[in-house]
Amino acid sequence: MSTDTTIHPLCPGCKTSAIRWGKDSKGFQRYRCRSCGTTFANRPANPLGNHRLPMNKALLVLNLLVEGMSIRGAERVSSVHRDTICMLLRTVGDKCERTMAELVKDVEVQDVEMDEIWS
């Protein structure tokens, strides 16, 4: 009797069991479907999308910007190009906008406070 307790993932195409099939270029386990032959890998989701910037470097840049540093100042401190910083800002801003749209709904506004930065 087999004592193999390994849980094999399901193929994203045909939803049948897959077997281990080496590793990809980043070291993640690859699998191959037994019925359709498709190969796939279980990679963790990347919150930065397609950015190749390491997470600790992205967090550094975002923290600098939140603290009021300019984009060029953050570029000098973090050694990340300003175009990359702008793309990162766009990605994070879009994700924040989607999160706010999902979480904040039907909120009645009673008081609005504005300062000179909005005028």
PDB file of N, CA and C in Angstrom:
ATOM      1  N   MET A   1       0.837  -1.176   0.000  1.00  0.00           N
ATOM      2  CA  MET A   1       0.000   0.000   0.000  1.00  0.00           C
ATOM      3  C   MET A   1       0.881   1.238   0.000  1.00  0.00           C
ATOM      4  N   SER A   2       0.537   2.231  -0.785  1.00  0.00           N
ATOM      5  CA  SER A   2       1.321   3.451  -0.914  1.00  0.00           C
ATOM      6  C   SER A   2       1.069   4.370   0.272  1.00  0.00           C
ATOM      7  N   THR A   3       2.161   4.958   0.771  1.00  0.00           N
ATOM      8  CA  THR A   3       2.039   5.901   1.882  1.00  0.00           C
ATOM      9  C   THR A   3       2.305   7.324   1.417  1.00  0.00           C
ATOM     10  N   ASP A   4       2.130   7.605   0.128  1.00  0.00           N
ATOM     11  CA  ASP A   4       2.363   8.925  -0.436  1.00  0.00           C
ATOM     12  C   ASP A   4       1.247   9.870   0.009  1.00  0.00           C
ATOM     13  N   THR A   5       1.578  10.796   0.917  1.00  0.00           N
ATOM     14  CA  THR A   5       0.584  11.742   1.426  1.00  0.00           C
ATOM     15  C   THR A   5       0.737  13.106   0.780  1.00  0.00           C
ATOM     16  N   THR A   6       1.528  13.191  -0.284  1.00  0.00           N
ATOM     17  CA  THR A   6       1.725  14.451  -0.979  1.00  0.00           C
ATOM     18  C   THR A   6       0.437  14.853  -1.691  1.00  0.00           C
ATOM     19  N   ILE A   7       0.024  16.086  -1.493  1.00  0.00           N
ATOM     20  CA  ILE A   7      -1.162  16.587  -2.174  1.00  0.00           C
ATOM     21  C   ILE A   7      -0.724  17.193  -3.497  1.00  0.00           C
ATOM     22  N   HIS A   8      -1.227  16.640  -4.578  1.00  0.00           N
ATOM     23  CA  HIS A   8      -0.878  17.137  -5.898  1.00  0.00           C
ATOM     24  C   HIS A   8      -1.897  18.184  -6.317  1.00  0.00           C
ATOM     25  N   PRO A   9      -1.439  19.312  -6.855  1.00  0.00           N
ATOM     26  CA  PRO A   9      -2.380  20.347  -7.286  1.00  0.00           C
ATOM     27  C   PRO A   9      -3.146  19.910  -8.528  1.00  0.00           C
ATOM     28  N   LEU A  10      -4.227  20.642  -8.789  1.00  0.00           N
ATOM     29  CA  LEU A  10      -5.037  20.357  -9.968  1.00  0.00           C
ATOM     30  C   LEU A  10      -4.598  21.222 -11.135  1.00  0.00           C
ATOM     31  N   CYS A  11      -4.692  20.674 -12.320  1.00  0.00           N
ATOM     32  CA  CYS A  11      -4.367  21.393 -13.551  1.00  0.00           C
ATOM     33  C   CYS A  11      -5.336  22.561 -13.715  1.00  0.00           C
ATOM     34  N   PRO A  12      -4.837  23.761 -14.047  1.00  0.00           N
ATOM     35  CA  PRO A  12      -5.747  24.891 -14.231  1.00  0.00           C
ATOM     36  C   PRO A  12      -6.656  24.732 -15.450  1.00  0.00           C
ATOM     37  N   GLY A  13      -6.283  23.880 -16.395  1.00  0.00           N
ATOM     38  CA  GLY A  13      -7.088  23.698 -17.598  1.00  0.00           C
ATOM     39  C   GLY A  13      -8.163  22.642 -17.440  1.00  0.00           C
ATOM     40  N   CYS A  14      -7.745  21.403 -17.158  1.00  0.00           N
ATOM     41  CA  CYS A  14      -8.712  20.297 -17.139  1.00  0.00           C
ATOM     42  C   CYS A  14      -9.096  19.849 -15.734  1.00  0.00           C
ATOM     43  N   LYS A  15      -8.503  20.430 -14.706  1.00  0.00           N
ATOM     44  CA  LYS A  15      -8.855  20.163 -13.302  1.00  0.00           C
ATOM     45  C   LYS A  15      -8.602  18.722 -12.865  1.00  0.00           C
ATOM     46  N   THR A  16      -7.575  18.083 -13.446  1.00  0.00           N
ATOM     47  CA  THR A  16      -7.193  16.752 -12.997  1.00  0.00           C
ATOM     48  C   THR A  16      -5.876  16.844 -12.236  1.00  0.00           C
ATOM     49  N   SER A  17      -5.502  15.775 -11.573  1.00  0.00           N
ATOM     50  CA  SER A  17      -4.307  15.746 -10.741  1.00  0.00           C
ATOM     51  C   SER A  17      -3.036  15.913 -11.584  1.00  0.00           C
ATOM     52  N   ALA A  18      -2.041  16.565 -11.003  1.00  0.00           N
ATOM     53  CA  ALA A  18      -0.768  16.792 -11.699  1.00  0.00           C
ATOM     54  C   ALA A  18       0.374  16.200 -10.868  1.00  0.00           C
ATOM     55  N   ILE A  19       1.486  15.935 -11.535  1.00  0.00           N
ATOM     56  CA  ILE A  19       2.661  15.398 -10.851  1.00  0.00           C
ATOM     57  C   ILE A  19       3.769  16.447 -10.847  1.00  0.00           C
ATOM     58  N   ARG A  20       4.709  16.286  -9.933  1.00  0.00           N
ATOM     59  CA  ARG A  20       5.842  17.212  -9.857  1.00  0.00           C
ATOM     60  C   ARG A  20       6.677  17.079 -11.121  1.00  0.00           C
ATOM     61  N   TRP A  21       7.193  18.223 -11.615  1.00  0.00           N
ATOM     62  CA  TRP A  21       7.889  18.227 -12.899  1.00  0.00           C
ATOM     63  C   TRP A  21       9.039  19.222 -12.866  1.00  0.00           C
ATOM     64  N   GLY A  22       9.951  19.101 -11.928  1.00  0.00           N
ATOM     65  CA  GLY A  22      11.106  19.977 -11.847  1.00  0.00           C
ATOM     66  C   GLY A  22      10.785  21.329 -11.235  1.00  0.00           C
ATOM     67  N   LYS A  23      11.657  22.290 -11.500  1.00  0.00           N
ATOM     68  CA  LYS A  23      11.489  23.640 -10.966  1.00  0.00           C
ATOM     69  C   LYS A  23      11.674  24.654 -12.077  1.00  0.00           C
ATOM     70  N   ASP A  24      11.065  25.831 -11.904  1.00  0.00           N
ATOM     71  CA  ASP A  24      11.212  26.869 -12.919  1.00  0.00           C
ATOM     72  C   ASP A  24      12.471  27.683 -12.651  1.00  0.00           C
ATOM     73  N   SER A  25      12.693  28.710 -13.448  1.00  0.00           N
ATOM     74  CA  SER A  25      13.933  29.483 -13.356  1.00  0.00           C
ATOM     75  C   SER A  25      14.077  30.224 -12.032  1.00  0.00           C
ATOM     76  N   LYS A  26      12.978  30.468 -11.337  1.00  0.00           N
ATOM     77  CA  LYS A  26      13.036  31.155 -10.049  1.00  0.00           C
ATOM     78  C   LYS A  26      13.059  30.187  -8.878  1.00  0.00           C
ATOM     79  N   GLY A  27      13.057  28.892  -9.157  1.00  0.00           N
ATOM     80  CA  GLY A  27      13.143  27.885  -8.107  1.00  0.00           C
ATOM     81  C   GLY A  27      11.802  27.398  -7.584  1.00  0.00           C
ATOM     82  N   PHE A  28      10.696  27.792  -8.201  1.00  0.00           N
ATOM     83  CA  PHE A  28       9.383  27.337  -7.766  1.00  0.00           C
ATOM     84  C   PHE A  28       9.068  25.973  -8.371  1.00  0.00           C
ATOM     85  N   GLN A  29       8.370  25.140  -7.622  1.00  0.00           N
ATOM     86  CA  GLN A  29       8.006  23.802  -8.068  1.00  0.00           C
ATOM     87  C   GLN A  29       7.090  23.868  -9.289  1.00  0.00           C
ATOM     88  N   ARG A  30       7.442  23.100 -10.329  1.00  0.00           N
ATOM     89  CA  ARG A  30       6.591  22.992 -11.510  1.00  0.00           C
ATOM     90  C   ARG A  30       5.830  21.680 -11.441  1.00  0.00           C
ATOM     91  N   TYR A  31       4.676  21.646 -12.111  1.00  0.00           N
ATOM     92  CA  TYR A  31       3.842  20.453 -12.163  1.00  0.00           C
ATOM     93  C   TYR A  31       3.442  20.191 -13.602  1.00  0.00           C
ATOM     94  N   ARG A  32       3.118  18.911 -13.885  1.00  0.00           N
ATOM     95  CA  ARG A  32       2.653  18.535 -15.219  1.00  0.00           C
ATOM     96  C   ARG A  32       1.371  17.741 -15.069  1.00  0.00           C
ATOM     97  N   CYS A  33       0.371  18.128 -15.845  1.00  0.00           N
ATOM     98  CA  CYS A  33      -0.925  17.458 -15.814  1.00  0.00           C
ATOM     99  C   CYS A  33      -0.783  16.058 -16.406  1.00  0.00           C
ATOM    100  N   ARG A  34      -1.392  15.080 -15.758  1.00  0.00           N
ATOM    101  CA  ARG A  34      -1.301  13.705 -16.232  1.00  0.00           C
ATOM    102  C   ARG A  34      -2.143  13.459 -17.480  1.00  0.00           C
ATOM    103  N   SER A  35      -3.204  14.227 -17.651  1.00  0.00           N
ATOM    104  CA  SER A  35      -4.072  13.937 -18.792  1.00  0.00           C
ATOM    105  C   SER A  35      -3.788  14.831 -20.002  1.00  0.00           C
ATOM    106  N   CYS A  36      -3.645  16.149 -19.812  1.00  0.00           N
ATOM    107  CA  CYS A  36      -3.465  17.026 -20.979  1.00  0.00           C
ATOM    108  C   CYS A  36      -2.003  17.414 -21.220  1.00  0.00           C
ATOM    109  N   GLY A  37      -1.099  17.150 -20.272  1.00  0.00           N
ATOM    110  CA  GLY A  37       0.319  17.416 -20.469  1.00  0.00           C
ATOM    111  C   GLY A  37       0.744  18.855 -20.234  1.00  0.00           C
ATOM    112  N   THR A  38      -0.158  19.708 -19.757  1.00  0.00           N
ATOM    113  CA  THR A  38       0.172  21.105 -19.494  1.00  0.00           C
ATOM    114  C   THR A  38       1.110  21.208 -18.295  1.00  0.00           C
ATOM    115  N   THR A  39       2.126  22.055 -18.394  1.00  0.00           N
ATOM    116  CA  THR A  39       2.987  22.300 -17.245  1.00  0.00           C
ATOM    117  C   THR A  39       2.647  23.666 -16.657  1.00  0.00           C
ATOM    118  N   PHE A  40       2.726  23.761 -15.321  1.00  0.00           N
ATOM    119  CA  PHE A  40       2.421  25.002 -14.626  1.00  0.00           C
ATOM    120  C   PHE A  40       3.177  25.014 -13.303  1.00  0.00           C
ATOM    121  N   ALA A  41       3.265  26.183 -12.701  1.00  0.00           N
ATOM    122  CA  ALA A  41       3.970  26.337 -11.431  1.00  0.00           C
ATOM    123  C   ALA A  41       3.052  27.036 -10.438  1.00  0.00           C
ATOM    124  N   ASN A  42       3.196  26.683  -9.177  1.00  0.00           N
ATOM    125  CA  ASN A  42       2.469  27.365  -8.109  1.00  0.00           C
ATOM    126  C   ASN A  42       3.360  28.465  -7.574  1.00  0.00           C
ATOM    127  N   ARG A  43       3.191  29.646  -8.123  1.00  0.00           N
ATOM    128  CA  ARG A  43       3.978  30.795  -7.678  1.00  0.00           C
ATOM    129  C   ARG A  43       3.133  31.648  -6.742  1.00  0.00           C
ATOM    130  N   PRO A  44       3.750  32.194  -5.706  1.00  0.00           N
ATOM    131  CA  PRO A  44       2.978  33.079  -4.830  1.00  0.00           C
ATOM    132  C   PRO A  44       2.619  34.365  -5.572  1.00  0.00           C
ATOM    133  N   ALA A  45       1.488  34.941  -5.196  1.00  0.00           N
ATOM    134  CA  ALA A  45       1.042  36.177  -5.835  1.00  0.00           C
ATOM    135  C   ALA A  45       2.013  37.305  -5.507  1.00  0.00           C
ATOM    136  N   ASN A  46       2.314  38.120  -6.497  1.00  0.00           N
ATOM    137  CA  ASN A  46       3.191  39.263  -6.301  1.00  0.00           C
ATOM    138  C   ASN A  46       2.328  40.513  -6.179  1.00  0.00           C
ATOM    139  N   PRO A  47       2.312  41.157  -5.006  1.00  0.00           N
ATOM    140  CA  PRO A  47       1.467  42.332  -4.846  1.00  0.00           C
ATOM    141  C   PRO A  47       1.887  43.509  -5.722  1.00  0.00           C
ATOM    142  N   LEU A  48       3.097  43.479  -6.253  1.00  0.00           N
ATOM    143  CA  LEU A  48       3.569  44.571  -7.104  1.00  0.00           C
ATOM    144  C   LEU A  48       3.297  44.321  -8.581  1.00  0.00           C
ATOM    145  N   GLY A  49       2.604  43.255  -8.894  1.00  0.00           N
ATOM    146  CA  GLY A  49       2.301  42.968 -10.293  1.00  0.00           C
ATOM    147  C   GLY A  49       3.533  42.526 -11.049  1.00  0.00           C
ATOM    148  N   ASN A  50       3.834  43.185 -12.163  1.00  0.00           N
ATOM    149  CA  ASN A  50       4.960  42.796 -13.006  1.00  0.00           C
ATOM    150  C   ASN A  50       6.259  43.512 -12.660  1.00  0.00           C
ATOM    151  N   HIS A  51       6.272  44.293 -11.597  1.00  0.00           N
ATOM    152  CA  HIS A  51       7.494  44.996 -11.218  1.00  0.00           C
ATOM    153  C   HIS A  51       8.544  43.996 -10.739  1.00  0.00           C
ATOM    154  N   ARG A  52       9.769  44.195 -11.154  1.00  0.00           N
ATOM    155  CA  ARG A  52      10.861  43.317 -10.740  1.00  0.00           C
ATOM    156  C   ARG A  52      11.612  43.879  -9.539  1.00  0.00           C
ATOM    157  N   LEU A  53      11.124  44.976  -9.002  1.00  0.00           N
ATOM    158  CA  LEU A  53      11.746  45.625  -7.856  1.00  0.00           C
ATOM    159  C   LEU A  53      11.541  44.758  -6.612  1.00  0.00           C
ATOM    160  N   PRO A  54      12.606  44.494  -5.839  1.00  0.00           N
ATOM    161  CA  PRO A  54      12.427  43.710  -4.609  1.00  0.00           C
ATOM    162  C   PRO A  54      11.470  44.417  -3.651  1.00  0.00           C
ATOM    163  N   MET A  55      10.735  43.641  -2.873  1.00  0.00           N
ATOM    164  CA  MET A  55       9.712  44.191  -1.996  1.00  0.00           C
ATOM    165  C   MET A  55      10.310  45.169  -0.974  1.00  0.00           C
ATOM    166  N   ASN A  56      11.481  44.852  -0.421  1.00  0.00           N
ATOM    167  CA  ASN A  56      12.058  45.759   0.582  1.00  0.00           C
ATOM    168  C   ASN A  56      12.456  47.097  -0.033  1.00  0.00           C
ATOM    169  N   LYS A  57      12.915  47.088  -1.284  1.00  0.00           N
ATOM    170  CA  LYS A  57      13.268  48.337  -1.971  1.00  0.00           C
ATOM    171  C   LYS A  57      12.013  49.140  -2.295  1.00  0.00           C
ATOM    172  N   ALA A  58      10.938  48.458  -2.712  1.00  0.00           N
ATOM    173  CA  ALA A  58       9.675  49.138  -3.003  1.00  0.00           C
ATOM    174  C   ALA A  58       9.103  49.766  -1.733  1.00  0.00           C
ATOM    175  N   LEU A  59       9.176  49.041  -0.622  1.00  0.00           N
ATOM    176  CA  LEU A  59       8.686  49.594   0.643  1.00  0.00           C
ATOM    177  C   LEU A  59       9.498  50.800   1.077  1.00  0.00           C
ATOM    178  N   LEU A  60      10.802  50.763   0.858  1.00  0.00           N
ATOM    179  CA  LEU A  60      11.645  51.908   1.190  1.00  0.00           C
ATOM    180  C   LEU A  60      11.211  53.135   0.387  1.00  0.00           C
ATOM    181  N   VAL A  61      11.031  52.950  -0.912  1.00  0.00           N
ATOM    182  CA  VAL A  61      10.636  54.063  -1.780  1.00  0.00           C
ATOM    183  C   VAL A  61       9.284  54.614  -1.352  1.00  0.00           C
ATOM    184  N   LEU A  62       8.324  53.737  -1.100  1.00  0.00           N
ATOM    185  CA  LEU A  62       6.988  54.188  -0.704  1.00  0.00           C
ATOM    186  C   LEU A  62       7.012  54.898   0.641  1.00  0.00           C
ATOM    187  N   ASN A  63       7.804  54.401   1.581  1.00  0.00           N
ATOM    188  CA  ASN A  63       7.924  55.075   2.880  1.00  0.00           C
ATOM    189  C   ASN A  63       8.533  56.468   2.727  1.00  0.00           C
ATOM    190  N   LEU A  64       9.523  56.588   1.870  1.00  0.00           N
ATOM    191  CA  LEU A  64      10.126  57.901   1.637  1.00  0.00           C
ATOM    192  C   LEU A  64       9.108  58.872   1.042  1.00  0.00           C
ATOM    193  N   LEU A  65       8.326  58.404   0.098  1.00  0.00           N
ATOM    194  CA  LEU A  65       7.336  59.262  -0.537  1.00  0.00           C
ATOM    195  C   LEU A  65       6.218  59.649   0.430  1.00  0.00           C
ATOM    196  N   VAL A  66       5.802  58.707   1.269  1.00  0.00           N
ATOM    197  CA  VAL A  66       4.757  58.996   2.250  1.00  0.00           C
ATOM    198  C   VAL A  66       5.236  60.037   3.257  1.00  0.00           C
ATOM    199  N   GLU A  67       6.515  60.009   3.580  1.00  0.00           N
ATOM    200  CA  GLU A  67       7.075  60.975   4.530  1.00  0.00           C
ATOM    201  C   GLU A  67       7.291  62.349   3.912  1.00  0.00           C
ATOM    202  N   GLY A  68       6.981  62.501   2.627  1.00  0.00           N
ATOM    203  CA  GLY A  68       7.048  63.813   2.009  1.00  0.00           C
ATOM    204  C   GLY A  68       8.259  64.056   1.128  1.00  0.00           C
ATOM    205  N   MET A  69       9.068  63.050   0.906  1.00  0.00           N
ATOM    206  CA  MET A  69      10.240  63.236   0.057  1.00  0.00           C
ATOM    207  C   MET A  69       9.804  63.286  -1.405  1.00  0.00           C
ATOM    208  N   SER A  70      10.513  64.045  -2.208  1.00  0.00           N
ATOM    209  CA  SER A  70      10.198  64.149  -3.628  1.00  0.00           C
ATOM    210  C   SER A  70      10.612  62.870  -4.354  1.00  0.00           C
ATOM    211  N   ILE A  71      10.127  62.726  -5.573  1.00  0.00           N
ATOM    212  CA  ILE A  71      10.472  61.547  -6.372  1.00  0.00           C
ATOM    213  C   ILE A  71      11.964  61.517  -6.658  1.00  0.00           C
ATOM    214  N   ARG A  72      12.533  62.663  -7.006  1.00  0.00           N
ATOM    215  CA  ARG A  72      13.979  62.688  -7.279  1.00  0.00           C
ATOM    216  C   ARG A  72      14.790  62.467  -6.013  1.00  0.00           C
ATOM    217  N   GLY A  73      14.303  62.949  -4.879  1.00  0.00           N
ATOM    218  CA  GLY A  73      14.978  62.693  -3.605  1.00  0.00           C
ATOM    219  C   GLY A  73      14.948  61.214  -3.258  1.00  0.00           C
ATOM    220  N   ALA A  74      13.796  60.589  -3.459  1.00  0.00           N
ATOM    221  CA  ALA A  74      13.686  59.144  -3.224  1.00  0.00           C
ATOM    222  C   ALA A  74      14.574  58.376  -4.195  1.00  0.00           C
ATOM    223  N   GLU A  75      14.724  58.905  -5.410  1.00  0.00           N
ATOM    224  CA  GLU A  75      15.610  58.278  -6.395  1.00  0.00           C
ATOM    225  C   GLU A  75      17.054  58.291  -5.896  1.00  0.00           C
ATOM    226  N   ARG A  76      17.494  59.425  -5.364  1.00  0.00           N
ATOM    227  CA  ARG A  76      18.878  59.528  -4.877  1.00  0.00           C
ATOM    228  C   ARG A  76      19.126  58.622  -3.675  1.00  0.00           C
ATOM    229  N   VAL A  77      18.187  58.580  -2.746  1.00  0.00           N
ATOM    230  CA  VAL A  77      18.377  57.792  -1.521  1.00  0.00           C
ATOM    231  C   VAL A  77      18.309  56.290  -1.805  1.00  0.00           C
ATOM    232  N   SER A  78      17.348  55.872  -2.646  1.00  0.00           N
ATOM    233  CA  SER A  78      17.106  54.437  -2.834  1.00  0.00           C
ATOM    234  C   SER A  78      17.824  53.833  -4.040  1.00  0.00           C
ATOM    235  N   SER A  79      18.396  54.674  -4.891  1.00  0.00           N
ATOM    236  CA  SER A  79      19.044  54.217  -6.132  1.00  0.00           C
ATOM    237  C   SER A  79      18.069  53.502  -7.064  1.00  0.00           C
ATOM    238  N   VAL A  80      16.799  53.922  -7.033  1.00  0.00           N
ATOM    239  CA  VAL A  80      15.780  53.400  -7.937  1.00  0.00           C
ATOM    240  C   VAL A  80      15.440  54.524  -8.910  1.00  0.00           C
ATOM    241  N   HIS A  81      15.424  54.233 -10.206  1.00  0.00           N
ATOM    242  CA  HIS A  81      15.182  55.254 -11.220  1.00  0.00           C
ATOM    243  C   HIS A  81      13.803  55.886 -11.043  1.00  0.00           C
ATOM    244  N   ARG A  82      13.709  57.170 -11.343  1.00  0.00           N
ATOM    245  CA  ARG A  82      12.457  57.916 -11.129  1.00  0.00           C
ATOM    246  C   ARG A  82      11.305  57.379 -11.970  1.00  0.00           C
ATOM    247  N   ASP A  83      11.587  56.846 -13.154  1.00  0.00           N
ATOM    248  CA  ASP A  83      10.512  56.254 -13.962  1.00  0.00           C
ATOM    249  C   ASP A  83       9.947  55.011 -13.275  1.00  0.00           C
ATOM    250  N   THR A  84      10.829  54.222 -12.656  1.00  0.00           N
ATOM    251  CA  THR A  84      10.391  53.053 -11.903  1.00  0.00           C
ATOM    252  C   THR A  84       9.563  53.477 -10.700  1.00  0.00           C
ATOM    253  N   ILE A  85       9.982  54.552 -10.029  1.00  0.00           N
ATOM    254  CA  ILE A  85       9.234  55.065  -8.882  1.00  0.00           C
ATOM    255  C   ILE A  85       7.846  55.518  -9.329  1.00  0.00           C
ATOM    256  N   CYS A  86       7.746  56.190 -10.459  1.00  0.00           N
ATOM    257  CA  CYS A  86       6.444  56.648 -10.966  1.00  0.00           C
ATOM    258  C   CYS A  86       5.551  55.467 -11.333  1.00  0.00           C
ATOM    259  N   MET A  87       6.122  54.429 -11.944  1.00  0.00           N
ATOM    260  CA  MET A  87       5.328  53.238 -12.273  1.00  0.00           C
ATOM    261  C   MET A  87       4.862  52.527 -11.003  1.00  0.00           C
ATOM    262  N   LEU A  88       5.734  52.471  -9.995  1.00  0.00           N
ATOM    263  CA  LEU A  88       5.368  51.869  -8.713  1.00  0.00           C
ATOM    264  C   LEU A  88       4.238  52.653  -8.058  1.00  0.00           C
ATOM    265  N   LEU A  89       4.336  53.987  -8.091  1.00  0.00           N
ATOM    266  CA  LEU A  89       3.271  54.829  -7.543  1.00  0.00           C
ATOM    267  C   LEU A  89       1.952  54.577  -8.251  1.00  0.00           C
ATOM    268  N   ARG A  90       1.994  54.439  -9.550  1.00  0.00           N
ATOM    269  CA  ARG A  90       0.778  54.188 -10.322  1.00  0.00           C
ATOM    270  C   ARG A  90       0.154  52.851  -9.934  1.00  0.00           C
ATOM    271  N   THR A  91       0.981  51.819  -9.819  1.00  0.00           N
ATOM    272  CA  THR A  91       0.487  50.491  -9.448  1.00  0.00           C
ATOM    273  C   THR A  91      -0.128  50.503  -8.059  1.00  0.00           C
ATOM    274  N   VAL A  92       0.590  51.071  -7.094  1.00  0.00           N
ATOM    275  CA  VAL A  92       0.100  51.099  -5.717  1.00  0.00           C
ATOM    276  C   VAL A  92      -1.144  51.982  -5.620  1.00  0.00           C
ATOM    277  N   GLY A  93      -1.171  53.093  -6.323  1.00  0.00           N
ATOM    278  CA  GLY A  93      -2.335  53.970  -6.313  1.00  0.00           C
ATOM    279  C   GLY A  93      -3.575  53.293  -6.873  1.00  0.00           C
ATOM    280  N   ASP A  94      -3.412  52.556  -7.978  1.00  0.00           N
ATOM    281  CA  ASP A  94      -4.541  51.828  -8.562  1.00  0.00           C
ATOM    282  C   ASP A  94      -5.076  50.771  -7.599  1.00  0.00           C
ATOM    283  N   LYS A  95      -4.167  50.056  -6.928  1.00  0.00           N
ATOM    284  CA  LYS A  95      -4.593  49.039  -5.963  1.00  0.00           C
ATOM    285  C   LYS A  95      -5.292  49.671  -4.764  1.00  0.00           C
ATOM    286  N   CYS A  96      -4.803  50.819  -4.312  1.00  0.00           N
ATOM    287  CA  CYS A  96      -5.455  51.523  -3.208  1.00  0.00           C
ATOM    288  C   CYS A  96      -6.847  52.000  -3.614  1.00  0.00           C
ATOM    289  N   GLU A  97      -6.971  52.489  -4.834  1.00  0.00           N
ATOM    290  CA  GLU A  97      -8.266  52.951  -5.320  1.00  0.00           C
ATOM    291  C   GLU A  97      -9.270  51.808  -5.368  1.00  0.00           C
ATOM    292  N   ARG A  98      -8.842  50.639  -5.856  1.00  0.00           N
ATOM    293  CA  ARG A  98      -9.730  49.476  -5.904  1.00  0.00           C
ATOM    294  C   ARG A  98     -10.128  49.020  -4.507  1.00  0.00           C
ATOM    295  N   THR A  99      -9.159  49.042  -3.581  1.00  0.00           N
ATOM    296  CA  THR A  99      -9.453  48.637  -2.210  1.00  0.00           C
ATOM    297  C   THR A  99     -10.457  49.584  -1.566  1.00  0.00           C
ATOM    298  N   MET A 100     -10.268  50.884  -1.758  1.00  0.00           N
ATOM    299  CA  MET A 100     -11.205  51.856  -1.193  1.00  0.00           C
ATOM    300  C   MET A 100     -12.599  51.693  -1.799  1.00  0.00           C
ATOM    301  N   ALA A 101     -12.681  51.426  -3.095  1.00  0.00           N
ATOM    302  CA  ALA A 101     -13.980  51.249  -3.741  1.00  0.00           C
ATOM    303  C   ALA A 101     -14.707  50.018  -3.198  1.00  0.00           C
ATOM    304  N   GLU A 102     -13.952  48.977  -2.836  1.00  0.00           N
ATOM    305  CA  GLU A 102     -14.567  47.762  -2.300  1.00  0.00           C
ATOM    306  C   GLU A 102     -14.973  47.930  -0.836  1.00  0.00           C
ATOM    307  N   LEU A 103     -14.146  48.613  -0.061  1.00  0.00           N
ATOM    308  CA  LEU A 103     -14.372  48.674   1.386  1.00  0.00           C
ATOM    309  C   LEU A 103     -15.258  49.828   1.832  1.00  0.00           C
ATOM    310  N   VAL A 104     -15.162  50.958   1.172  1.00  0.00           N
ATOM    311  CA  VAL A 104     -15.913  52.140   1.599  1.00  0.00           C
ATOM    312  C   VAL A 104     -17.078  52.350   0.639  1.00  0.00           C
ATOM    313  N   LYS A 105     -18.279  52.009   1.114  1.00  0.00           N
ATOM    314  CA  LYS A 105     -19.473  52.143   0.294  1.00  0.00           C
ATOM    315  C   LYS A 105     -20.583  52.766   1.133  1.00  0.00           C
ATOM    316  N   ASP A 106     -21.405  53.586   0.497  1.00  0.00           N
ATOM    317  CA  ASP A 106     -22.591  54.167   1.132  1.00  0.00           C
ATOM    318  C   ASP A 106     -22.273  54.885   2.441  1.00  0.00           C
ATOM    319  N   VAL A 107     -21.241  55.696   2.443  1.00  0.00           N
ATOM    320  CA  VAL A 107     -20.878  56.479   3.626  1.00  0.00           C
ATOM    321  C   VAL A 107     -21.395  57.899   3.414  1.00  0.00           C
ATOM    322  N   GLU A 108     -22.280  58.335   4.319  1.00  0.00           N
ATOM    323  CA  GLU A 108     -22.803  59.695   4.225  1.00  0.00           C
ATOM    324  C   GLU A 108     -21.773  60.678   4.757  1.00  0.00           C
ATOM    325  N   VAL A 109     -21.571  61.749   4.020  1.00  0.00           N
ATOM    326  CA  VAL A 109     -20.629  62.777   4.433  1.00  0.00           C
ATOM    327  C   VAL A 109     -21.402  63.866   5.160  1.00  0.00           C
ATOM    328  N   GLN A 110     -20.995  64.139   6.410  1.00  0.00           N
ATOM    329  CA  GLN A 110     -21.663  65.167   7.184  1.00  0.00           C
ATOM    330  C   GLN A 110     -20.835  66.447   7.232  1.00  0.00           C
ATOM    331  N   ASP A 111     -19.545  66.313   7.399  1.00  0.00           N
ATOM    332  CA  ASP A 111     -18.650  67.468   7.461  1.00  0.00           C
ATOM    333  C   ASP A 111     -17.494  67.259   6.495  1.00  0.00           C
ATOM    334  N   VAL A 112     -17.104  68.335   5.824  1.00  0.00           N
ATOM    335  CA  VAL A 112     -15.953  68.291   4.936  1.00  0.00           C
ATOM    336  C   VAL A 112     -14.983  69.361   5.400  1.00  0.00           C
ATOM    337  N   GLU A 113     -13.737  68.940   5.636  1.00  0.00           N
ATOM    338  CA  GLU A 113     -12.720  69.900   6.069  1.00  0.00           C
ATOM    339  C   GLU A 113     -11.646  69.948   4.996  1.00  0.00           C
ATOM    340  N   MET A 114     -11.319  71.152   4.554  1.00  0.00           N
ATOM    341  CA  MET A 114     -10.310  71.318   3.513  1.00  0.00           C
ATOM    342  C   MET A 114      -9.307  72.358   3.968  1.00  0.00           C
ATOM    343  N   ASP A 115      -8.096  72.244   3.504  1.00  0.00           N
ATOM    344  CA  ASP A 115      -7.098  73.254   3.811  1.00  0.00           C
ATOM    345  C   ASP A 115      -6.593  73.878   2.519  1.00  0.00           C
ATOM    346  N   GLU A 116      -5.567  74.709   2.632  1.00  0.00           N
ATOM    347  CA  GLU A 116      -5.112  75.460   1.468  1.00  0.00           C
ATOM    348  C   GLU A 116      -4.496  74.612   0.369  1.00  0.00           C
ATOM    349  N   ILE A 117      -4.101  73.391   0.694  1.00  0.00           N
ATOM    350  CA  ILE A 117      -3.497  72.552  -0.332  1.00  0.00           C
ATOM    351  C   ILE A 117      -4.531  72.152  -1.390  1.00  0.00           C
ATOM    352  N   TRP A 118      -5.821  72.155  -1.052  1.00  0.00           N
ATOM    353  CA  TRP A 118      -6.873  71.749  -1.975  1.00  0.00           C
ATOM    354  C   TRP A 118      -7.450  72.936  -2.758  1.00  0.00           C
ATOM    355  N   SER A 119      -7.086  74.144  -2.410  1.00  0.00           N
ATOM    356  CA  SER A 119      -7.697  75.301  -3.072  1.00  0.00           C
ATOM    357  C   SER A 119      -6.967  75.696  -4.342  1.00  0.00           C
TER     358      SER A 119
END
